[in-house]
Amino acid sequence: MRLTKKGKRCLLFVLVAILTTIVAALSIIASANDEAKEYITYIVQPNDTLWSIAEEYGTDGDVRKTVYEIKKVNQLQSSDITVGEELLIAVS
């Protein structure tokens, strides 16, 4: 069986549509997991670091993962934080 140019384009379109749907579904699932978490607002105190905050509020024992999540949720580009800064911290 041979596919015509039109058939190949149609097949490519269907594959792209399927992949797009899968990526969208995974994105929705991931954001639903983030929304299911409960957050508190933490105000950075003198001598706080992301590491020390993560140690205090981390729930799974992996401080590196908690630091990553704090940076992600608060859209931090680096680990630099300042006194008085408000951070969202997942507590569940």
C-alpha atoms as a PDB file:
ATOM      1  CA  MET A   1       0.000   0.000   0.000  1.00  0.00           C
ATOM      2  CA  ARG A   2       1.298   3.432  -0.911  1.00  0.00           C
ATOM      3  CA  LEU A   3       0.255   6.737   0.535  1.00  0.00           C
ATOM      4  CA  THR A   4      -0.279   9.734  -1.662  1.00  0.00           C
ATOM      5  CA  LYS A   5       1.108  13.129  -0.696  1.00  0.00           C
ATOM      6  CA  LYS A   6      -2.327  14.092   0.546  1.00  0.00           C
ATOM      7  CA  GLY A   7      -2.533  10.882   2.596  1.00  0.00           C
ATOM      8  CA  LYS A   8       0.904  11.501   4.121  1.00  0.00           C
ATOM      9  CA  ARG A   9      -0.083  15.053   5.069  1.00  0.00           C
ATOM     10  CA  CYS A  10      -3.312  13.798   6.612  1.00  0.00           C
ATOM     11  CA  LEU A  11      -1.463  11.131   8.598  1.00  0.00           C
ATOM     12  CA  LEU A  12       1.073  13.700   9.810  1.00  0.00           C
ATOM     13  CA  PHE A  13      -1.750  16.029  10.848  1.00  0.00           C
ATOM     14  CA  VAL A  14      -3.439  13.255  12.830  1.00  0.00           C
ATOM     15  CA  LEU A  15      -0.179  12.339  14.593  1.00  0.00           C
ATOM     16  CA  VAL A  16       0.509  15.964  15.500  1.00  0.00           C
ATOM     17  CA  ALA A  17      -3.059  16.330  16.802  1.00  0.00           C
ATOM     18  CA  ILE A  18      -2.681  13.223  18.957  1.00  0.00           C
ATOM     19  CA  LEU A  19       0.665  14.386  20.380  1.00  0.00           C
ATOM     20  CA  THR A  20      -0.737  17.853  21.078  1.00  0.00           C
ATOM     21  CA  THR A  21      -3.677  16.324  22.919  1.00  0.00           C
ATOM     22  CA  ILE A  22      -1.373  14.139  25.023  1.00  0.00           C
ATOM     23  CA  VAL A  23       0.867  17.083  25.954  1.00  0.00           C
ATOM     24  CA  ALA A  24      -2.163  19.222  26.860  1.00  0.00           C
ATOM     25  CA  ALA A  25      -3.614  16.440  29.017  1.00  0.00           C
ATOM     26  CA  LEU A  26      -0.327  15.961  30.858  1.00  0.00           C
ATOM     27  CA  SER A  27      -0.081  19.700  31.440  1.00  0.00           C
ATOM     28  CA  ILE A  28      -3.597  19.792  32.891  1.00  0.00           C
ATOM     29  CA  ILE A  29      -2.816  16.850  35.168  1.00  0.00           C
ATOM     30  CA  ALA A  30       0.403  18.492  36.379  1.00  0.00           C
ATOM     31  CA  SER A  31      -1.307  21.815  37.102  1.00  0.00           C
ATOM     32  CA  ALA A  32      -4.155  20.033  38.884  1.00  0.00           C
ATOM     33  CA  ASN A  33      -1.599  18.400  41.180  1.00  0.00           C
ATOM     34  CA  ASP A  34      -0.091  21.823  41.969  1.00  0.00           C
ATOM     35  CA  GLU A  35      -3.530  23.314  42.636  1.00  0.00           C
ATOM     36  CA  ALA A  36      -4.414  20.465  44.998  1.00  0.00           C
ATOM     37  CA  LYS A  37      -1.623  21.538  47.353  1.00  0.00           C
ATOM     38  CA  GLU A  38      -2.250  23.839  50.249  1.00  0.00           C
ATOM     39  CA  TYR A  39       0.068  26.840  50.586  1.00  0.00           C
ATOM     40  CA  ILE A  40       1.044  29.272  53.313  1.00  0.00           C
ATOM     41  CA  THR A  41       2.676  32.654  52.877  1.00  0.00           C
ATOM     42  CA  TYR A  42       6.059  32.765  54.571  1.00  0.00           C
ATOM     43  CA  ILE A  43       7.803  36.086  55.214  1.00  0.00           C
ATOM     44  CA  VAL A  44      11.591  35.772  54.951  1.00  0.00           C
ATOM     45  CA  GLN A  45      13.363  36.507  58.242  1.00  0.00           C
ATOM     46  CA  PRO A  46      16.982  37.587  58.850  1.00  0.00           C
ATOM     47  CA  ASN A  47      19.450  34.725  58.242  1.00  0.00           C
ATOM     48  CA  ASP A  48      16.854  32.652  56.329  1.00  0.00           C
ATOM     49  CA  THR A  49      17.972  30.727  53.284  1.00  0.00           C
ATOM     50  CA  LEU A  50      15.874  28.686  50.891  1.00  0.00           C
ATOM     51  CA  TRP A  51      17.619  25.625  52.308  1.00  0.00           C
ATOM     52  CA  SER A  52      16.671  26.444  55.920  1.00  0.00           C
ATOM     53  CA  ILE A  53      13.076  27.204  54.926  1.00  0.00           C
ATOM     54  CA  ALA A  54      12.896  23.960  52.947  1.00  0.00           C
ATOM     55  CA  GLU A  55      14.247  22.011  55.915  1.00  0.00           C
ATOM     56  CA  GLU A  56      11.530  23.485  58.112  1.00  0.00           C
ATOM     57  CA  TYR A  57       8.591  23.032  55.733  1.00  0.00           C
ATOM     58  CA  GLY A  58       9.626  20.048  53.619  1.00  0.00           C
ATOM     59  CA  THR A  59       7.334  17.052  53.924  1.00  0.00           C
ATOM     60  CA  ASP A  60       9.178  14.274  52.118  1.00  0.00           C
ATOM     61  CA  GLY A  61      12.672  14.588  53.604  1.00  0.00           C
ATOM     62  CA  ASP A  62      14.293  15.665  50.328  1.00  0.00           C
ATOM     63  CA  VAL A  63      15.388  19.247  50.985  1.00  0.00           C
ATOM     64  CA  ARG A  64      16.664  19.722  47.420  1.00  0.00           C
ATOM     65  CA  LYS A  65      13.233  18.876  46.021  1.00  0.00           C
ATOM     66  CA  THR A  66      11.553  21.291  48.436  1.00  0.00           C
ATOM     67  CA  VAL A  67      13.980  24.091  47.471  1.00  0.00           C
ATOM     68  CA  TYR A  68      13.206  23.403  43.801  1.00  0.00           C
ATOM     69  CA  GLU A  69       9.443  23.531  44.476  1.00  0.00           C
ATOM     70  CA  ILE A  70       9.726  26.809  46.423  1.00  0.00           C
ATOM     71  CA  LYS A  71      11.716  28.348  43.560  1.00  0.00           C
ATOM     72  CA  LYS A  72       9.231  27.060  40.979  1.00  0.00           C
ATOM     73  CA  VAL A  73       6.086  28.214  42.789  1.00  0.00           C
ATOM     74  CA  ASN A  74       7.556  31.649  43.508  1.00  0.00           C
ATOM     75  CA  GLN A  75       9.155  31.971  40.061  1.00  0.00           C
ATOM     76  CA  LEU A  76      12.608  32.566  41.539  1.00  0.00           C
ATOM     77  CA  GLN A  77      15.479  32.571  39.060  1.00  0.00           C
ATOM     78  CA  SER A  78      18.097  32.096  41.785  1.00  0.00           C
ATOM     79  CA  SER A  79      18.289  31.101  45.432  1.00  0.00           C
ATOM     80  CA  ASP A  80      18.698  34.721  46.533  1.00  0.00           C
ATOM     81  CA  ILE A  81      15.955  35.866  48.916  1.00  0.00           C
ATOM     82  CA  THR A  82      15.617  39.087  50.910  1.00  0.00           C
ATOM     83  CA  VAL A  83      14.283  39.834  54.374  1.00  0.00           C
ATOM     84  CA  GLY A  84      10.574  40.678  54.190  1.00  0.00           C
ATOM     85  CA  GLU A  85      10.038  38.852  50.904  1.00  0.00           C
ATOM     86  CA  GLU A  86       6.847  36.783  50.817  1.00  0.00           C
ATOM     87  CA  LEU A  87       7.140  33.193  49.629  1.00  0.00           C
ATOM     88  CA  LEU A  88       4.411  30.663  48.960  1.00  0.00           C
ATOM     89  CA  ILE A  89       5.281  27.377  50.675  1.00  0.00           C
ATOM     90  CA  ALA A  90       3.403  24.114  50.036  1.00  0.00           C
ATOM     91  CA  VAL A  91       2.379  22.511  53.294  1.00  0.00           C
ATOM     92  CA  SER A  92       0.454  19.483  52.025  1.00  0.00           C
END
